[in-house]
Amino acid sequence: MSDESATEEAAREILAQLPRLVGTDAPRITAAIERALSLSDPGSRREALRQALRSDVRVRTWVEQRLDEGSGRTDPPAGYGYQPLAGNPIGAAEATKFECRNPSCPQRDTWWRSFLGEAVPRCSGCTRPLSRASE
């Protein structure tokens, strides 16, 4: 995956995280990211996206960590999963996997939930909500 497509994927993924991550700044940052992603010229899109993702230290840190993990949409990133409560003999559980089930989607996304209650994003290819994977 190229750096450009990994950055665009991280940008789409962070949209669902913004309310929790930046609170009241979420609408402003969401608008900037969506505006950048909608640009048709690759050079303009790349620059506008870079500016939007670097405009807030919380967003920049999240994106940098996500890119360091290799974007993690096909394999759960290191440390993704649910840990047992202290003293509970049951082992850790894997993170829940979600995927696009639209057969006509041009770019079927896969996403791993990092904590319970985390909003499931929409597919970047067809904009339908991702569905729980049946594994």
N, C-alpha and C. Protein backbone atom coordinates (compact mmCIF):
# COMPACT_ATOMS: atom_id res chain seq x y z
N MET A 1 0.85 -1.17 0.00
CA MET A 1 0.00 0.00 0.00
C MET A 1 0.89 1.23 0.00
N SER A 2 0.61 2.19 -0.87
CA SER A 2 1.43 3.39 -0.95
C SER A 2 1.17 4.29 0.26
N ASP A 3 2.14 5.18 0.52
CA ASP A 3 1.98 6.12 1.62
C ASP A 3 0.75 6.98 1.43
N GLU A 4 0.49 7.38 0.18
CA GLU A 4 -0.66 8.23 -0.10
C GLU A 4 -1.97 7.51 0.20
N SER A 5 -2.11 6.28 -0.26
CA SER A 5 -3.36 5.56 0.00
C SER A 5 -3.49 5.18 1.48
N ALA A 6 -2.37 4.90 2.15
CA ALA A 6 -2.41 4.61 3.58
C ALA A 6 -2.86 5.84 4.36
N THR A 7 -2.39 7.03 3.94
CA THR A 7 -2.80 8.26 4.61
C THR A 7 -4.28 8.53 4.37
N GLU A 8 -4.75 8.31 3.15
CA GLU A 8 -6.18 8.50 2.86
C GLU A 8 -7.02 7.51 3.66
N GLU A 9 -6.57 6.29 3.77
CA GLU A 9 -7.30 5.28 4.54
C GLU A 9 -7.35 5.67 6.01
N ALA A 10 -6.23 6.13 6.56
CA ALA A 10 -6.20 6.58 7.96
C ALA A 10 -7.12 7.78 8.15
N ALA A 11 -7.16 8.67 7.17
CA ALA A 11 -8.03 9.85 7.25
C ALA A 11 -9.49 9.43 7.30
N ARG A 12 -9.87 8.46 6.46
CA ARG A 12 -11.26 7.98 6.47
C ARG A 12 -11.58 7.28 7.79
N GLU A 13 -10.61 6.55 8.28
CA GLU A 13 -10.82 5.81 9.52
C GLU A 13 -10.95 6.73 10.73
N ILE A 14 -10.22 7.82 10.75
CA ILE A 14 -10.26 8.70 11.91
C ILE A 14 -11.57 9.47 12.01
N LEU A 15 -12.29 9.58 10.91
CA LEU A 15 -13.55 10.34 10.94
C LEU A 15 -14.49 9.83 12.04
N ALA A 16 -14.60 8.53 12.19
CA ALA A 16 -15.46 7.97 13.24
C ALA A 16 -14.89 8.19 14.63
N GLN A 17 -13.59 8.41 14.73
CA GLN A 17 -12.92 8.58 16.02
C GLN A 17 -12.93 10.03 16.52
N LEU A 18 -13.15 10.98 15.63
CA LEU A 18 -12.97 12.38 15.97
C LEU A 18 -13.79 12.87 17.17
N PRO A 19 -15.08 12.55 17.30
CA PRO A 19 -15.81 13.05 18.47
C PRO A 19 -15.17 12.64 19.79
N ARG A 20 -14.72 11.39 19.86
CA ARG A 20 -14.06 10.92 21.08
C ARG A 20 -12.67 11.52 21.23
N LEU A 21 -11.99 11.68 20.13
CA LEU A 21 -10.60 12.11 20.14
C LEU A 21 -10.43 13.60 20.39
N VAL A 22 -11.26 14.43 19.75
CA VAL A 22 -11.07 15.88 19.83
C VAL A 22 -12.28 16.64 20.36
N GLY A 23 -13.35 15.95 20.69
CA GLY A 23 -14.52 16.58 21.29
C GLY A 23 -15.17 17.62 20.40
N THR A 24 -15.28 18.83 20.90
CA THR A 24 -16.00 19.89 20.18
C THR A 24 -15.27 20.36 18.93
N ASP A 25 -14.02 20.00 18.75
CA ASP A 25 -13.29 20.35 17.53
C ASP A 25 -13.60 19.40 16.38
N ALA A 26 -14.35 18.33 16.66
CA ALA A 26 -14.61 17.31 15.65
C ALA A 26 -15.28 17.84 14.38
N PRO A 27 -16.32 18.69 14.45
CA PRO A 27 -16.95 19.15 13.21
C PRO A 27 -15.99 19.93 12.30
N ARG A 28 -15.16 20.75 12.87
CA ARG A 28 -14.20 21.54 12.08
C ARG A 28 -13.18 20.62 11.39
N ILE A 29 -12.64 19.67 12.12
CA ILE A 29 -11.64 18.77 11.57
C ILE A 29 -12.27 17.81 10.57
N THR A 30 -13.48 17.34 10.87
CA THR A 30 -14.20 16.46 9.94
C THR A 30 -14.41 17.17 8.60
N ALA A 31 -14.85 18.42 8.66
CA ALA A 31 -15.09 19.18 7.43
C ALA A 31 -13.80 19.33 6.62
N ALA A 32 -12.69 19.60 7.29
CA ALA A 32 -11.41 19.78 6.60
C ALA A 32 -10.96 18.47 5.94
N ILE A 33 -11.12 17.36 6.64
CA ILE A 33 -10.73 16.06 6.08
C ILE A 33 -11.62 15.69 4.91
N GLU A 34 -12.93 15.85 5.08
CA GLU A 34 -13.85 15.50 3.99
C GLU A 34 -13.63 16.39 2.77
N ARG A 35 -13.34 17.66 3.00
CA ARG A 35 -13.05 18.58 1.89
C ARG A 35 -11.79 18.10 1.15
N ALA A 36 -10.77 17.73 1.90
CA ALA A 36 -9.51 17.27 1.29
C ALA A 36 -9.74 15.98 0.50
N LEU A 37 -10.49 15.04 1.06
CA LEU A 37 -10.73 13.77 0.39
C LEU A 37 -11.56 13.92 -0.88
N SER A 38 -12.33 14.99 -0.97
CA SER A 38 -13.19 15.19 -2.14
C SER A 38 -12.47 15.83 -3.32
N LEU A 39 -11.26 16.31 -3.13
CA LEU A 39 -10.52 16.95 -4.21
C LEU A 39 -10.12 15.92 -5.26
N SER A 40 -10.29 16.29 -6.52
CA SER A 40 -10.00 15.34 -7.60
C SER A 40 -8.52 15.34 -8.01
N ASP A 41 -7.84 16.46 -7.85
CA ASP A 41 -6.43 16.54 -8.21
C ASP A 41 -5.60 15.87 -7.11
N PRO A 42 -4.84 14.82 -7.45
CA PRO A 42 -4.08 14.08 -6.43
C PRO A 42 -3.11 14.96 -5.63
N GLY A 43 -2.44 15.90 -6.29
CA GLY A 43 -1.50 16.77 -5.58
C GLY A 43 -2.22 17.68 -4.59
N SER A 44 -3.32 18.26 -5.01
CA SER A 44 -4.11 19.13 -4.12
C SER A 44 -4.69 18.33 -2.98
N ARG A 45 -5.21 17.13 -3.28
CA ARG A 45 -5.79 16.27 -2.26
C ARG A 45 -4.74 15.90 -1.21
N ARG A 46 -3.55 15.52 -1.67
CA ARG A 46 -2.48 15.12 -0.76
C ARG A 46 -2.09 16.28 0.16
N GLU A 47 -1.94 17.48 -0.40
CA GLU A 47 -1.55 18.65 0.41
C GLU A 47 -2.65 19.07 1.38
N ALA A 48 -3.89 19.10 0.91
CA ALA A 48 -5.00 19.49 1.78
C ALA A 48 -5.19 18.46 2.90
N LEU A 49 -5.02 17.19 2.59
CA LEU A 49 -5.14 16.14 3.59
C LEU A 49 -4.01 16.24 4.61
N ARG A 50 -2.81 16.50 4.13
CA ARG A 50 -1.68 16.67 5.05
C ARG A 50 -1.95 17.81 6.03
N GLN A 51 -2.45 18.92 5.52
CA GLN A 51 -2.75 20.07 6.38
C GLN A 51 -3.86 19.75 7.38
N ALA A 52 -4.91 19.07 6.91
CA ALA A 52 -6.03 18.74 7.79
C ALA A 52 -5.60 17.79 8.91
N LEU A 53 -4.76 16.81 8.57
CA LEU A 53 -4.35 15.81 9.55
C LEU A 53 -3.27 16.33 10.49
N ARG A 54 -2.63 17.41 10.14
CA ARG A 54 -1.60 17.98 11.00
C ARG A 54 -2.10 19.22 11.75
N SER A 55 -3.37 19.59 11.56
CA SER A 55 -3.90 20.81 12.16
C SER A 55 -4.12 20.69 13.66
N ASP A 56 -4.18 19.50 14.18
CA ASP A 56 -4.42 19.28 15.61
C ASP A 56 -3.46 18.19 16.09
N VAL A 57 -2.80 18.42 17.20
CA VAL A 57 -1.79 17.48 17.69
C VAL A 57 -2.41 16.12 18.02
N ARG A 58 -3.66 16.09 18.49
CA ARG A 58 -4.30 14.82 18.83
C ARG A 58 -4.55 13.99 17.57
N VAL A 59 -4.97 14.66 16.52
CA VAL A 59 -5.21 13.99 15.24
C VAL A 59 -3.89 13.53 14.64
N ARG A 60 -2.90 14.42 14.64
CA ARG A 60 -1.59 14.09 14.08
C ARG A 60 -1.01 12.86 14.79
N THR A 61 -1.08 12.82 16.11
CA THR A 61 -0.55 11.70 16.88
C THR A 61 -1.27 10.40 16.53
N TRP A 62 -2.61 10.46 16.46
CA TRP A 62 -3.40 9.27 16.13
C TRP A 62 -3.03 8.74 14.75
N VAL A 63 -2.95 9.62 13.77
CA VAL A 63 -2.63 9.22 12.40
C VAL A 63 -1.22 8.64 12.33
N GLU A 64 -0.26 9.28 12.99
CA GLU A 64 1.11 8.77 12.96
C GLU A 64 1.18 7.38 13.57
N GLN A 65 0.47 7.16 14.68
CA GLN A 65 0.46 5.83 15.29
C GLN A 65 -0.19 4.81 14.36
N ARG A 66 -1.27 5.22 13.72
CA ARG A 66 -1.98 4.32 12.81
C ARG A 66 -1.10 3.95 11.62
N LEU A 67 -0.41 4.92 11.06
CA LEU A 67 0.47 4.65 9.93
C LEU A 67 1.64 3.78 10.34
N ASP A 68 2.14 3.96 11.56
CA ASP A 68 3.22 3.11 12.06
C ASP A 68 2.77 1.67 12.21
N GLU A 69 1.47 1.46 12.46
CA GLU A 69 0.94 0.10 12.59
C GLU A 69 0.71 -0.55 11.24
N GLY A 70 0.94 0.17 10.17
CA GLY A 70 0.71 -0.38 8.83
C GLY A 70 -0.74 -0.25 8.41
N SER A 71 -1.46 0.66 9.02
CA SER A 71 -2.85 0.96 8.71
C SER A 71 -3.81 -0.11 9.19
N GLY A 72 -3.35 -1.27 9.52
CA GLY A 72 -4.10 -2.28 10.24
C GLY A 72 -5.50 -2.62 9.82
N ARG A 73 -5.90 -2.39 8.59
CA ARG A 73 -7.28 -2.69 8.22
C ARG A 73 -7.44 -4.13 7.76
N THR A 74 -6.36 -4.80 7.45
CA THR A 74 -6.50 -6.19 7.04
C THR A 74 -6.06 -7.14 8.14
N ASP A 75 -5.16 -6.73 8.99
CA ASP A 75 -4.73 -7.51 10.14
C ASP A 75 -4.85 -6.64 11.37
N PRO A 76 -5.25 -7.23 12.50
CA PRO A 76 -5.36 -6.38 13.68
C PRO A 76 -3.99 -5.87 14.10
N PRO A 77 -3.86 -4.58 14.36
CA PRO A 77 -2.58 -4.03 14.79
C PRO A 77 -2.15 -4.63 16.12
N ALA A 78 -0.88 -4.56 16.39
CA ALA A 78 -0.36 -5.08 17.64
C ALA A 78 -1.10 -4.44 18.81
N GLY A 79 -1.51 -5.25 19.75
CA GLY A 79 -2.19 -4.73 20.92
C GLY A 79 -3.69 -4.59 20.75
N TYR A 80 -4.24 -4.86 19.56
CA TYR A 80 -5.68 -4.76 19.37
C TYR A 80 -6.32 -6.05 19.85
N GLY A 81 -7.27 -5.91 20.70
CA GLY A 81 -7.98 -7.04 21.28
C GLY A 81 -8.51 -6.60 22.62
N TYR A 82 -9.27 -7.45 23.24
CA TYR A 82 -9.86 -7.12 24.52
C TYR A 82 -9.13 -7.91 25.59
N GLN A 83 -8.68 -7.23 26.62
CA GLN A 83 -7.93 -7.86 27.69
C GLN A 83 -8.87 -8.30 28.80
N PRO A 84 -8.57 -9.40 29.48
CA PRO A 84 -9.44 -9.85 30.57
C PRO A 84 -9.31 -8.93 31.78
N LEU A 85 -10.31 -8.97 32.63
CA LEU A 85 -10.25 -8.22 33.88
C LEU A 85 -9.20 -8.86 34.78
N ALA A 86 -8.62 -8.07 35.66
CA ALA A 86 -7.60 -8.59 36.58
C ALA A 86 -8.20 -9.72 37.40
N GLY A 87 -7.47 -10.81 37.51
CA GLY A 87 -7.92 -11.95 38.28
C GLY A 87 -8.85 -12.88 37.53
N ASN A 88 -9.24 -12.51 36.32
CA ASN A 88 -10.14 -13.36 35.53
C ASN A 88 -9.30 -14.39 34.77
N PRO A 89 -9.57 -15.67 34.94
CA PRO A 89 -8.75 -16.70 34.28
C PRO A 89 -8.98 -16.81 32.78
N ILE A 90 -10.00 -16.16 32.24
CA ILE A 90 -10.28 -16.22 30.81
C ILE A 90 -9.25 -15.38 30.07
N GLY A 91 -8.69 -15.91 29.00
CA GLY A 91 -7.66 -15.20 28.24
C GLY A 91 -8.21 -14.01 27.48
N ALA A 92 -7.31 -13.28 26.90
CA ALA A 92 -7.69 -12.11 26.10
C ALA A 92 -8.45 -12.56 24.86
N ALA A 93 -9.36 -11.74 24.41
CA ALA A 93 -10.14 -12.04 23.21
C ALA A 93 -9.65 -11.18 22.06
N GLU A 94 -9.80 -11.69 20.85
CA GLU A 94 -9.40 -10.91 19.68
C GLU A 94 -10.33 -9.73 19.48
N ALA A 95 -9.82 -8.70 18.84
CA ALA A 95 -10.64 -7.56 18.49
C ALA A 95 -11.69 -8.00 17.47
N THR A 96 -12.84 -7.34 17.49
CA THR A 96 -13.92 -7.68 16.56
C THR A 96 -13.60 -7.12 15.18
N LYS A 97 -13.76 -7.95 14.18
CA LYS A 97 -13.46 -7.56 12.80
C LYS A 97 -14.76 -7.18 12.09
N PHE A 98 -14.72 -6.08 11.34
CA PHE A 98 -15.85 -5.64 10.53
C PHE A 98 -15.37 -5.52 9.10
N GLU A 99 -16.29 -5.76 8.16
CA GLU A 99 -15.93 -5.70 6.75
C GLU A 99 -17.11 -5.23 5.92
N CYS A 100 -16.80 -4.78 4.72
CA CYS A 100 -17.84 -4.38 3.78
C CYS A 100 -18.38 -5.64 3.11
N ARG A 101 -19.70 -5.77 3.10
CA ARG A 101 -20.32 -6.94 2.47
C ARG A 101 -21.06 -6.58 1.19
N ASN A 102 -20.85 -5.40 0.68
CA ASN A 102 -21.49 -4.97 -0.55
C ASN A 102 -20.71 -5.58 -1.72
N PRO A 103 -21.30 -6.53 -2.47
CA PRO A 103 -20.57 -7.18 -3.55
C PRO A 103 -20.19 -6.25 -4.70
N SER A 104 -20.85 -5.13 -4.83
CA SER A 104 -20.52 -4.20 -5.91
C SER A 104 -19.62 -3.06 -5.46
N CYS A 105 -19.10 -3.13 -4.25
CA CYS A 105 -18.22 -2.08 -3.73
C CYS A 105 -16.88 -2.10 -4.47
N PRO A 106 -16.41 -0.93 -4.92
CA PRO A 106 -15.13 -0.88 -5.63
C PRO A 106 -13.92 -1.06 -4.72
N GLN A 107 -14.08 -0.79 -3.42
CA GLN A 107 -12.95 -0.89 -2.48
C GLN A 107 -13.49 -1.38 -1.14
N ARG A 108 -13.55 -2.68 -0.96
CA ARG A 108 -14.16 -3.26 0.24
C ARG A 108 -13.20 -3.15 1.42
N ASP A 109 -13.60 -2.38 2.43
CA ASP A 109 -12.77 -2.14 3.61
C ASP A 109 -12.96 -3.23 4.66
N THR A 110 -11.91 -3.41 5.47
CA THR A 110 -11.93 -4.25 6.65
C THR A 110 -11.42 -3.38 7.79
N TRP A 111 -12.02 -3.50 8.96
CA TRP A 111 -11.67 -2.64 10.10
C TRP A 111 -11.76 -3.46 11.37
N TRP A 112 -10.87 -3.18 12.34
CA TRP A 112 -10.85 -3.88 13.62
C TRP A 112 -11.25 -2.91 14.72
N ARG A 113 -12.23 -3.29 15.54
CA ARG A 113 -12.69 -2.45 16.65
C ARG A 113 -11.64 -2.52 17.76
N SER A 114 -11.22 -1.36 18.23
CA SER A 114 -10.16 -1.35 19.25
C SER A 114 -10.70 -1.35 20.67
N PHE A 115 -11.98 -0.97 20.87
CA PHE A 115 -12.59 -1.05 22.19
C PHE A 115 -14.10 -1.13 22.05
N LEU A 116 -14.74 -1.74 23.03
CA LEU A 116 -16.20 -1.87 22.99
C LEU A 116 -16.83 -0.48 22.98
N GLY A 117 -17.87 -0.33 22.21
CA GLY A 117 -18.55 0.95 22.13
C GLY A 117 -18.01 1.88 21.07
N GLU A 118 -16.90 1.51 20.44
CA GLU A 118 -16.31 2.34 19.38
C GLU A 118 -17.23 2.31 18.16
N ALA A 119 -17.50 3.47 17.60
CA ALA A 119 -18.39 3.57 16.45
C ALA A 119 -17.77 2.86 15.24
N VAL A 120 -18.58 2.08 14.57
CA VAL A 120 -18.12 1.36 13.38
C VAL A 120 -18.18 2.32 12.20
N PRO A 121 -17.07 2.47 11.46
CA PRO A 121 -17.07 3.41 10.34
C PRO A 121 -17.81 2.87 9.12
N ARG A 122 -17.97 3.74 8.15
CA ARG A 122 -18.57 3.36 6.87
C ARG A 122 -17.44 2.96 5.93
N CYS A 123 -17.77 2.15 4.96
CA CYS A 123 -16.80 1.72 3.96
C CYS A 123 -16.38 2.93 3.12
N SER A 124 -15.11 3.05 2.86
CA SER A 124 -14.63 4.17 2.05
C SER A 124 -14.95 3.99 0.57
N GLY A 125 -15.28 2.77 0.16
CA GLY A 125 -15.59 2.51 -1.24
C GLY A 125 -17.05 2.76 -1.60
N CYS A 126 -17.97 2.38 -0.71
CA CYS A 126 -19.40 2.50 -1.04
C CYS A 126 -20.20 3.28 0.00
N THR A 127 -19.57 3.68 1.08
CA THR A 127 -20.14 4.47 2.19
C THR A 127 -21.20 3.74 3.01
N ARG A 128 -21.38 2.43 2.81
CA ARG A 128 -22.29 1.66 3.65
C ARG A 128 -21.59 1.31 4.96
N PRO A 129 -22.34 1.18 6.05
CA PRO A 129 -21.71 0.77 7.33
C PRO A 129 -21.06 -0.61 7.18
N LEU A 130 -19.91 -0.77 7.81
CA LEU A 130 -19.25 -2.08 7.80
C LEU A 130 -20.04 -3.05 8.67
N SER A 131 -20.00 -4.32 8.34
CA SER A 131 -20.73 -5.37 9.06
C SER A 131 -19.75 -6.27 9.80
N ARG A 132 -20.22 -6.85 10.88
CA ARG A 132 -19.38 -7.78 11.64
C ARG A 132 -18.99 -8.95 10.73
N ALA A 133 -17.71 -9.27 10.73
CA ALA A 133 -17.20 -10.37 9.89
C ALA A 133 -17.69 -11.70 10.47
N SER A 134 -17.94 -12.64 9.60
CA SER A 134 -18.41 -13.96 10.05
C SER A 134 -17.26 -14.96 9.95
N GLU A 135 -16.40 -14.94 10.94
CA GLU A 135 -15.26 -15.86 10.96
C GLU A 135 -15.45 -16.91 12.00
